[in-house]
């Protein structure tokens, strides 16, 4: 129980009695504050990681389109794009989506001349096609992939 005192100007000037009142704690709301929060059912999507030693030969083995997503754990835009890429993968289950941690894989980050994250690159049949620069929505990514695959492969950066 908490005891509060309340004094008015006249109480202080007349040195009269100070009124006391109590506030009973609300046990129900206190318990709610202390109760463990339910765990979120959301788990960030997990894509297969690529590193410097397996990057090129892994992509060369694959026939279907492969998206390589350069990211960082501290990048908010990367987390958003990662969630969008989960939807893209559900819409296109034959596509491969790989993740590269740009802070750890600095050799790849330099090789692909990445200065801003997130960065998304398209490979198909082991060939580099394009860096995808489009709106972060599934439909726009699908259109960008389709348009890039209509063009011949490019030389990787």
N, C-alpha and C. Protein backbone atom coordinates (compact mmCIF):
# COMPACT_ATOMS: atom_id res chain seq x y z
N UNK A 1 0.84 -1.16 0.00
CA UNK A 1 0.00 0.00 0.00
C UNK A 1 0.90 1.24 0.00
N UNK A 2 0.52 2.25 -0.76
CA UNK A 2 1.28 3.48 -0.84
C UNK A 2 0.52 4.59 -0.14
N UNK A 3 1.21 5.37 0.69
CA UNK A 3 0.59 6.48 1.40
C UNK A 3 1.09 7.77 0.79
N UNK A 4 0.15 8.62 0.39
CA UNK A 4 0.49 9.92 -0.14
C UNK A 4 -0.04 10.97 0.82
N UNK A 5 0.66 12.09 0.91
CA UNK A 5 0.16 13.20 1.72
C UNK A 5 -0.17 14.34 0.79
N UNK A 6 -1.17 15.11 1.17
CA UNK A 6 -1.58 16.23 0.35
C UNK A 6 -1.69 17.43 1.27
N UNK A 7 -1.00 18.47 0.93
CA UNK A 7 -1.06 19.70 1.74
C UNK A 7 -1.50 20.83 0.84
N UNK A 8 -2.37 21.66 1.35
CA UNK A 8 -2.80 22.84 0.61
C UNK A 8 -2.04 24.04 1.13
N UNK A 9 -2.14 25.18 0.45
CA UNK A 9 -1.46 26.40 0.86
C UNK A 9 -1.90 26.81 2.27
N UNK A 10 -3.20 26.68 2.52
CA UNK A 10 -3.69 27.08 3.84
C UNK A 10 -3.18 26.13 4.92
N UNK A 11 -3.02 24.83 4.58
CA UNK A 11 -2.48 23.89 5.56
C UNK A 11 -1.07 24.27 5.95
N UNK A 12 -0.26 24.66 4.97
CA UNK A 12 1.13 24.98 5.22
C UNK A 12 1.24 26.30 5.98
N UNK A 13 0.45 27.30 5.56
CA UNK A 13 0.55 28.61 6.20
C UNK A 13 -0.02 28.58 7.62
N UNK A 14 -1.04 27.79 7.89
CA UNK A 14 -1.64 27.72 9.21
C UNK A 14 -1.00 26.62 10.06
N UNK A 15 -0.06 25.90 9.47
CA UNK A 15 0.57 24.77 10.16
C UNK A 15 -0.48 23.82 10.68
N UNK A 16 -1.54 23.68 9.90
CA UNK A 16 -2.62 22.79 10.29
C UNK A 16 -2.28 21.35 9.94
N UNK A 17 -3.20 20.46 10.17
CA UNK A 17 -2.93 19.05 9.90
C UNK A 17 -2.80 18.79 8.40
N UNK A 18 -2.01 17.82 8.09
CA UNK A 18 -1.82 17.38 6.71
C UNK A 18 -2.72 16.19 6.48
N UNK A 19 -3.45 16.22 5.36
CA UNK A 19 -4.36 15.12 5.06
C UNK A 19 -3.59 13.97 4.42
N UNK A 20 -3.93 12.77 4.78
CA UNK A 20 -3.31 11.60 4.18
C UNK A 20 -4.38 10.79 3.47
N UNK A 21 -4.00 10.18 2.39
CA UNK A 21 -4.90 9.24 1.71
C UNK A 21 -4.05 8.12 1.16
N UNK A 22 -4.69 7.02 0.92
CA UNK A 22 -3.96 5.84 0.45
C UNK A 22 -4.50 5.39 -0.90
N UNK A 23 -3.62 4.76 -1.62
CA UNK A 23 -3.99 4.17 -2.91
C UNK A 23 -3.64 2.71 -2.82
N UNK A 24 -4.63 1.87 -2.96
CA UNK A 24 -4.42 0.43 -2.95
C UNK A 24 -3.88 0.02 -4.32
N UNK A 25 -2.86 -0.80 -4.35
CA UNK A 25 -2.35 -1.24 -5.66
C UNK A 25 -3.37 -2.12 -6.36
N UNK A 26 -3.42 -1.98 -7.65
CA UNK A 26 -4.31 -2.80 -8.46
C UNK A 26 -3.57 -4.10 -8.76
N UNK A 27 -3.90 -5.13 -8.03
CA UNK A 27 -3.20 -6.41 -8.14
C UNK A 27 -3.34 -6.98 -9.54
N UNK A 28 -4.48 -6.81 -10.15
CA UNK A 28 -4.72 -7.37 -11.48
C UNK A 28 -3.78 -6.74 -12.52
N UNK A 29 -3.67 -5.39 -12.50
CA UNK A 29 -2.80 -4.76 -13.50
C UNK A 29 -1.33 -4.98 -13.18
N UNK A 30 -0.96 -5.10 -11.91
CA UNK A 30 0.43 -5.40 -11.55
C UNK A 30 0.82 -6.77 -12.06
N UNK A 31 -0.08 -7.72 -11.91
CA UNK A 31 0.21 -9.07 -12.40
C UNK A 31 0.36 -9.07 -13.92
N UNK A 32 -0.44 -8.27 -14.59
CA UNK A 32 -0.37 -8.21 -16.04
C UNK A 32 0.97 -7.62 -16.48
N UNK A 33 1.49 -6.66 -15.73
CA UNK A 33 2.77 -6.06 -16.09
C UNK A 33 3.92 -7.03 -15.89
N UNK A 34 3.80 -7.89 -14.88
CA UNK A 34 4.88 -8.83 -14.57
C UNK A 34 4.79 -10.13 -15.35
N UNK A 35 3.64 -10.39 -15.94
CA UNK A 35 3.45 -11.64 -16.67
C UNK A 35 4.36 -11.67 -17.89
N UNK A 36 4.91 -12.84 -18.23
CA UNK A 36 5.77 -12.92 -19.42
C UNK A 36 4.97 -12.61 -20.68
N UNK A 37 5.60 -11.90 -21.56
CA UNK A 37 4.96 -11.55 -22.83
C UNK A 37 4.92 -12.78 -23.72
N UNK A 38 3.83 -12.98 -24.45
CA UNK A 38 3.79 -14.14 -25.36
C UNK A 38 4.84 -13.98 -26.44
N UNK A 39 5.45 -15.08 -26.81
CA UNK A 39 6.46 -15.07 -27.86
C UNK A 39 5.79 -14.83 -29.20
N UNK A 40 6.42 -14.01 -30.00
CA UNK A 40 5.90 -13.74 -31.33
C UNK A 40 6.09 -14.98 -32.20
N UNK A 41 5.12 -15.24 -33.05
CA UNK A 41 5.24 -16.37 -33.95
C UNK A 41 6.07 -16.01 -35.19
N UNK A 42 6.43 -14.73 -35.33
CA UNK A 42 7.22 -14.30 -36.47
C UNK A 42 8.69 -14.65 -36.26
N UNK A 43 9.26 -15.30 -37.22
CA UNK A 43 10.69 -15.58 -37.22
C UNK A 43 11.23 -15.05 -38.54
N UNK A 44 12.34 -14.32 -38.49
CA UNK A 44 12.86 -13.80 -39.75
C UNK A 44 13.19 -14.94 -40.70
N UNK A 45 12.92 -14.73 -41.97
CA UNK A 45 13.19 -15.78 -42.94
C UNK A 45 14.67 -16.11 -42.99
N UNK A 46 14.93 -17.36 -43.25
CA UNK A 46 16.32 -17.80 -43.33
C UNK A 46 16.61 -18.22 -44.77
N UNK A 47 17.60 -17.60 -45.34
CA UNK A 47 18.06 -17.98 -46.66
C UNK A 47 19.43 -18.61 -46.50
N UNK A 48 19.78 -19.44 -47.45
CA UNK A 48 21.08 -20.08 -47.41
C UNK A 48 22.17 -19.02 -47.59
N UNK A 49 23.19 -19.10 -46.76
CA UNK A 49 24.29 -18.14 -46.81
C UNK A 49 25.33 -18.56 -47.83
N UNK A 50 25.89 -17.57 -48.48
CA UNK A 50 27.03 -17.78 -49.36
C UNK A 50 28.22 -17.05 -48.78
N UNK A 51 29.41 -17.60 -49.00
CA UNK A 51 30.62 -16.93 -48.55
C UNK A 51 31.62 -16.91 -49.71
N UNK A 52 32.74 -16.28 -49.45
CA UNK A 52 33.76 -16.10 -50.49
C UNK A 52 34.20 -17.42 -51.11
N UNK A 53 34.30 -18.47 -50.30
CA UNK A 53 34.84 -19.73 -50.82
C UNK A 53 33.83 -20.54 -51.65
N UNK A 54 32.53 -20.35 -51.43
CA UNK A 54 31.57 -21.16 -52.19
C UNK A 54 30.67 -20.35 -53.12
N UNK A 55 30.84 -19.06 -53.15
CA UNK A 55 29.94 -18.18 -53.90
C UNK A 55 29.82 -18.57 -55.37
N UNK A 56 30.93 -18.55 -56.10
CA UNK A 56 30.87 -18.74 -57.55
C UNK A 56 30.52 -20.16 -57.96
N UNK A 57 31.10 -21.14 -57.31
CA UNK A 57 30.80 -22.51 -57.76
C UNK A 57 29.38 -22.93 -57.36
N UNK A 58 28.82 -22.41 -56.28
CA UNK A 58 27.43 -22.73 -55.93
C UNK A 58 26.47 -22.16 -56.95
N UNK A 59 26.69 -20.92 -57.34
CA UNK A 59 25.80 -20.30 -58.33
C UNK A 59 25.95 -20.94 -59.70
N UNK A 60 27.14 -21.42 -60.03
CA UNK A 60 27.37 -22.07 -61.32
C UNK A 60 26.63 -23.39 -61.44
N UNK A 61 26.35 -24.04 -60.32
CA UNK A 61 25.66 -25.34 -60.32
C UNK A 61 24.16 -25.23 -60.55
N UNK A 62 23.59 -24.06 -60.38
CA UNK A 62 22.13 -23.90 -60.38
C UNK A 62 21.60 -23.49 -61.74
N UNK A 63 20.47 -24.08 -62.13
CA UNK A 63 19.86 -23.79 -63.42
C UNK A 63 18.83 -22.67 -63.35
N UNK A 64 18.07 -22.61 -62.29
CA UNK A 64 16.99 -21.63 -62.17
C UNK A 64 17.52 -20.28 -61.70
N UNK A 65 16.71 -19.25 -61.81
CA UNK A 65 17.16 -17.93 -61.33
C UNK A 65 17.57 -17.99 -59.86
N UNK A 66 18.64 -17.27 -59.57
CA UNK A 66 19.15 -17.16 -58.21
C UNK A 66 19.29 -15.69 -57.87
N UNK A 67 18.72 -15.31 -56.75
CA UNK A 67 18.86 -13.95 -56.24
C UNK A 67 19.87 -13.99 -55.11
N UNK A 68 20.85 -13.10 -55.18
CA UNK A 68 21.86 -12.99 -54.14
C UNK A 68 21.63 -11.65 -53.44
N UNK A 69 21.35 -11.76 -52.16
CA UNK A 69 20.92 -10.65 -51.34
C UNK A 69 22.06 -10.28 -50.39
N UNK A 70 22.69 -9.13 -50.61
CA UNK A 70 23.74 -8.64 -49.71
C UNK A 70 23.07 -7.85 -48.60
N UNK A 71 23.39 -8.19 -47.38
CA UNK A 71 22.69 -7.65 -46.23
C UNK A 71 23.64 -7.42 -45.07
N UNK A 72 23.08 -6.91 -44.00
CA UNK A 72 23.82 -6.73 -42.74
C UNK A 72 22.81 -6.84 -41.61
N UNK A 73 23.23 -7.38 -40.49
CA UNK A 73 22.29 -7.58 -39.38
C UNK A 73 21.80 -6.26 -38.80
N UNK A 74 22.53 -5.17 -39.01
CA UNK A 74 22.15 -3.87 -38.46
C UNK A 74 21.33 -3.02 -39.43
N UNK A 75 20.99 -3.54 -40.56
CA UNK A 75 20.34 -2.78 -41.63
C UNK A 75 18.82 -2.98 -41.59
N UNK A 76 18.09 -1.93 -41.25
CA UNK A 76 16.63 -2.01 -41.20
C UNK A 76 16.00 -2.26 -42.56
N UNK A 77 16.50 -1.61 -43.59
CA UNK A 77 15.98 -1.82 -44.95
C UNK A 77 16.22 -3.25 -45.40
N UNK A 78 17.33 -3.83 -44.94
CA UNK A 78 17.65 -5.22 -45.29
C UNK A 78 16.62 -6.16 -44.67
N UNK A 79 16.24 -5.90 -43.43
CA UNK A 79 15.23 -6.75 -42.77
C UNK A 79 13.90 -6.67 -43.51
N UNK A 80 13.56 -5.47 -43.97
CA UNK A 80 12.31 -5.31 -44.73
C UNK A 80 12.38 -6.09 -46.04
N UNK A 81 13.48 -5.93 -46.78
CA UNK A 81 13.61 -6.64 -48.05
C UNK A 81 13.66 -8.15 -47.84
N UNK A 82 14.25 -8.57 -46.75
CA UNK A 82 14.32 -10.01 -46.45
C UNK A 82 12.91 -10.59 -46.30
N UNK A 83 12.03 -9.86 -45.63
CA UNK A 83 10.64 -10.31 -45.49
C UNK A 83 9.95 -10.35 -46.85
N UNK A 84 10.21 -9.37 -47.70
CA UNK A 84 9.63 -9.34 -49.05
C UNK A 84 10.14 -10.52 -49.87
N UNK A 85 11.43 -10.81 -49.75
CA UNK A 85 12.00 -11.93 -50.51
C UNK A 85 11.42 -13.27 -50.09
N UNK A 86 10.96 -13.37 -48.86
CA UNK A 86 10.27 -14.58 -48.42
C UNK A 86 9.01 -14.78 -49.25
N UNK A 87 8.27 -13.71 -49.47
CA UNK A 87 7.07 -13.79 -50.32
C UNK A 87 7.43 -14.12 -51.76
N UNK A 88 8.50 -13.53 -52.24
CA UNK A 88 8.95 -13.81 -53.61
C UNK A 88 9.28 -15.29 -53.76
N UNK A 89 9.95 -15.85 -52.74
CA UNK A 89 10.31 -17.26 -52.81
C UNK A 89 9.07 -18.15 -52.75
N UNK A 90 8.07 -17.76 -51.99
CA UNK A 90 6.83 -18.54 -51.94
C UNK A 90 6.11 -18.50 -53.27
N UNK A 91 6.17 -17.36 -53.95
CA UNK A 91 5.53 -17.22 -55.26
C UNK A 91 6.32 -17.92 -56.37
N UNK A 92 7.61 -18.10 -56.14
CA UNK A 92 8.51 -18.70 -57.14
C UNK A 92 9.37 -19.76 -56.47
N UNK A 93 8.80 -20.89 -56.14
CA UNK A 93 9.56 -21.89 -55.37
C UNK A 93 10.76 -22.47 -56.10
N UNK A 94 10.83 -22.31 -57.42
CA UNK A 94 11.99 -22.84 -58.16
C UNK A 94 13.16 -21.85 -58.16
N UNK A 95 12.97 -20.64 -57.65
CA UNK A 95 14.06 -19.67 -57.56
C UNK A 95 14.87 -19.97 -56.31
N UNK A 96 16.15 -19.66 -56.39
CA UNK A 96 17.04 -19.79 -55.24
C UNK A 96 17.34 -18.39 -54.70
N UNK A 97 17.26 -18.23 -53.40
CA UNK A 97 17.60 -16.94 -52.79
C UNK A 97 18.70 -17.19 -51.77
N UNK A 98 19.79 -16.47 -51.95
CA UNK A 98 20.94 -16.60 -51.08
C UNK A 98 21.20 -15.28 -50.37
N UNK A 99 21.81 -15.39 -49.22
CA UNK A 99 22.13 -14.21 -48.42
C UNK A 99 23.65 -14.14 -48.24
N UNK A 100 24.19 -12.93 -48.34
CA UNK A 100 25.60 -12.69 -48.09
C UNK A 100 25.69 -11.57 -47.05
N UNK A 101 26.35 -11.84 -45.94
CA UNK A 101 26.55 -10.81 -44.92
C UNK A 101 27.68 -9.91 -45.39
N UNK A 102 27.34 -8.70 -45.77
CA UNK A 102 28.30 -7.78 -46.36
C UNK A 102 29.41 -7.38 -45.39
N UNK A 103 29.12 -7.39 -44.11
CA UNK A 103 30.14 -7.02 -43.12
C UNK A 103 31.16 -8.13 -42.93
N UNK A 104 30.73 -9.36 -43.05
CA UNK A 104 31.65 -10.49 -42.87
C UNK A 104 32.37 -10.83 -44.17
N UNK A 105 31.64 -10.84 -45.26
CA UNK A 105 32.21 -11.21 -46.57
C UNK A 105 32.66 -9.97 -47.33
N UNK A 106 33.66 -9.31 -46.80
CA UNK A 106 34.14 -8.06 -47.39
C UNK A 106 34.73 -8.25 -48.78
N UNK A 107 35.31 -9.42 -49.06
CA UNK A 107 35.85 -9.68 -50.40
C UNK A 107 34.75 -9.64 -51.45
N UNK A 108 33.62 -10.27 -51.16
CA UNK A 108 32.48 -10.24 -52.10
C UNK A 108 31.88 -8.84 -52.18
N UNK A 109 31.83 -8.18 -51.04
CA UNK A 109 31.28 -6.82 -51.02
C UNK A 109 32.10 -5.91 -51.93
N UNK A 110 33.41 -6.05 -51.88
CA UNK A 110 34.28 -5.25 -52.76
C UNK A 110 34.17 -5.70 -54.22
N UNK A 111 34.12 -7.02 -54.42
CA UNK A 111 34.04 -7.55 -55.78
C UNK A 111 32.80 -7.03 -56.51
N UNK A 112 31.70 -6.93 -55.79
CA UNK A 112 30.45 -6.47 -56.40
C UNK A 112 30.23 -4.97 -56.23
N UNK A 113 31.26 -4.29 -55.74
CA UNK A 113 31.24 -2.83 -55.62
C UNK A 113 29.99 -2.33 -54.89
N UNK A 114 29.72 -2.93 -53.75
CA UNK A 114 28.54 -2.59 -52.98
C UNK A 114 28.87 -1.45 -52.02
N UNK A 115 28.13 -0.36 -52.18
CA UNK A 115 28.32 0.80 -51.31
C UNK A 115 27.09 1.06 -50.45
N UNK A 116 25.95 0.50 -50.84
CA UNK A 116 24.70 0.70 -50.10
C UNK A 116 24.00 -0.64 -49.95
N UNK A 117 23.40 -0.83 -48.80
CA UNK A 117 22.61 -2.04 -48.54
C UNK A 117 21.15 -1.66 -48.42
N UNK A 118 20.29 -2.56 -48.75
CA UNK A 118 20.52 -3.89 -49.31
C UNK A 118 20.87 -3.81 -50.79
N UNK A 119 21.49 -4.87 -51.27
CA UNK A 119 21.81 -5.00 -52.69
C UNK A 119 21.34 -6.38 -53.15
N UNK A 120 20.77 -6.43 -54.34
CA UNK A 120 20.19 -7.67 -54.84
C UNK A 120 20.69 -7.92 -56.26
N UNK A 121 21.26 -9.11 -56.47
CA UNK A 121 21.84 -9.46 -57.77
C UNK A 121 21.17 -10.71 -58.31
N UNK A 122 21.01 -10.74 -59.63
CA UNK A 122 20.37 -11.87 -60.30
C UNK A 122 21.41 -12.68 -61.08
N UNK A 123 21.39 -13.98 -60.82
CA UNK A 123 22.19 -14.94 -61.57
C UNK A 123 21.24 -15.98 -62.14
N UNK A 124 21.57 -16.53 -63.30
CA UNK A 124 20.79 -17.63 -63.88
C UNK A 124 21.75 -18.52 -64.65
N UNK A 125 21.62 -19.82 -64.43
CA UNK A 125 22.50 -20.79 -65.08
C UNK A 125 23.97 -20.47 -64.84
N UNK A 126 24.27 -19.93 -63.68
CA UNK A 126 25.64 -19.60 -63.32
C UNK A 126 26.13 -18.27 -63.85
N UNK A 127 25.32 -17.59 -64.66
CA UNK A 127 25.73 -16.33 -65.27
C UNK A 127 25.13 -15.15 -64.51
N UNK A 128 25.92 -14.09 -64.40
CA UNK A 128 25.44 -12.85 -63.81
C UNK A 128 24.56 -12.15 -64.84
N UNK A 129 23.39 -11.69 -64.39
CA UNK A 129 22.49 -10.97 -65.30
C UNK A 129 22.38 -9.49 -64.96
N UNK A 130 22.16 -9.16 -63.68
CA UNK A 130 21.97 -7.75 -63.36
C UNK A 130 21.90 -7.53 -61.86
N UNK A 131 22.19 -6.30 -61.48
CA UNK A 131 21.83 -5.87 -60.14
C UNK A 131 20.39 -5.39 -60.24
N UNK A 132 19.54 -5.91 -59.39
CA UNK A 132 18.13 -5.53 -59.45
C UNK A 132 17.92 -4.26 -58.64
N UNK A 133 17.39 -3.26 -59.31
CA UNK A 133 17.06 -1.99 -58.65
C UNK A 133 15.60 -1.73 -58.94
N UNK A 134 14.79 -2.09 -57.97
CA UNK A 134 13.35 -1.95 -58.15
C UNK A 134 12.70 -1.74 -56.79
N UNK A 135 11.42 -1.48 -56.84
CA UNK A 135 10.65 -1.31 -55.61
C UNK A 135 10.64 -2.62 -54.83
N UNK A 136 10.65 -2.51 -53.52
CA UNK A 136 10.70 -3.71 -52.66
C UNK A 136 9.31 -4.29 -52.44
N UNK A 137 8.72 -4.76 -53.50
CA UNK A 137 7.44 -5.47 -53.44
C UNK A 137 7.57 -6.69 -54.35
N UNK A 138 6.91 -7.79 -53.99
CA UNK A 138 7.08 -9.02 -54.77
C UNK A 138 6.85 -8.84 -56.27
N UNK A 139 5.79 -8.16 -56.66
CA UNK A 139 5.49 -8.00 -58.08
C UNK A 139 6.58 -7.26 -58.84
N UNK A 140 7.13 -6.22 -58.24
CA UNK A 140 8.18 -5.45 -58.89
C UNK A 140 9.45 -6.28 -59.02
N UNK A 141 9.76 -7.07 -58.01
CA UNK A 141 10.96 -7.92 -58.07
C UNK A 141 10.78 -8.98 -59.15
N UNK A 142 9.60 -9.57 -59.22
CA UNK A 142 9.34 -10.58 -60.25
C UNK A 142 9.47 -9.98 -61.66
N UNK A 143 8.92 -8.78 -61.86
CA UNK A 143 9.03 -8.12 -63.16
C UNK A 143 10.49 -7.80 -63.49
N UNK A 144 11.25 -7.33 -62.51
CA UNK A 144 12.65 -6.99 -62.74
C UNK A 144 13.45 -8.24 -63.12
N UNK A 145 13.16 -9.36 -62.48
CA UNK A 145 13.84 -10.62 -62.81
C UNK A 145 13.46 -11.04 -64.23
N UNK A 146 12.17 -11.02 -64.53
CA UNK A 146 11.72 -11.41 -65.87
C UNK A 146 12.35 -10.54 -66.94
N UNK A 147 12.39 -9.21 -66.71
CA UNK A 147 12.98 -8.30 -67.69
C UNK A 147 14.49 -8.53 -67.85
N UNK A 148 15.18 -8.76 -66.74
CA UNK A 148 16.63 -8.98 -66.79
C UNK A 148 16.96 -10.29 -67.50
N UNK A 149 16.12 -11.30 -67.32
CA UNK A 149 16.38 -12.59 -67.98
C UNK A 149 16.13 -12.54 -69.49
N UNK A 150 15.42 -11.53 -69.95
CA UNK A 150 15.20 -11.35 -71.39
C UNK A 150 16.46 -10.82 -72.07
N UNK A 151 17.37 -10.26 -71.30
CA UNK A 151 18.61 -9.71 -71.82
C UNK A 151 19.71 -10.76 -71.71
N UNK A 152 20.74 -10.65 -72.51
CA UNK A 152 21.86 -11.60 -72.38
C UNK A 152 22.60 -11.36 -71.06
N UNK A 153 23.30 -12.37 -70.58
CA UNK A 153 24.07 -12.19 -69.33
C UNK A 153 25.09 -11.07 -69.49
N UNK A 154 25.40 -10.45 -68.38
CA UNK A 154 26.38 -9.36 -68.37
C UNK A 154 27.67 -9.85 -67.71
N UNK A 155 28.68 -9.04 -67.82
CA UNK A 155 29.91 -9.32 -67.10
C UNK A 155 29.69 -8.88 -65.65
N UNK A 156 30.03 -9.74 -64.73
CA UNK A 156 29.86 -9.42 -63.31
C UNK A 156 30.74 -8.23 -62.95
N UNK A 157 30.28 -7.44 -62.00
CA UNK A 157 31.09 -6.27 -61.61
C UNK A 157 32.47 -6.69 -61.10
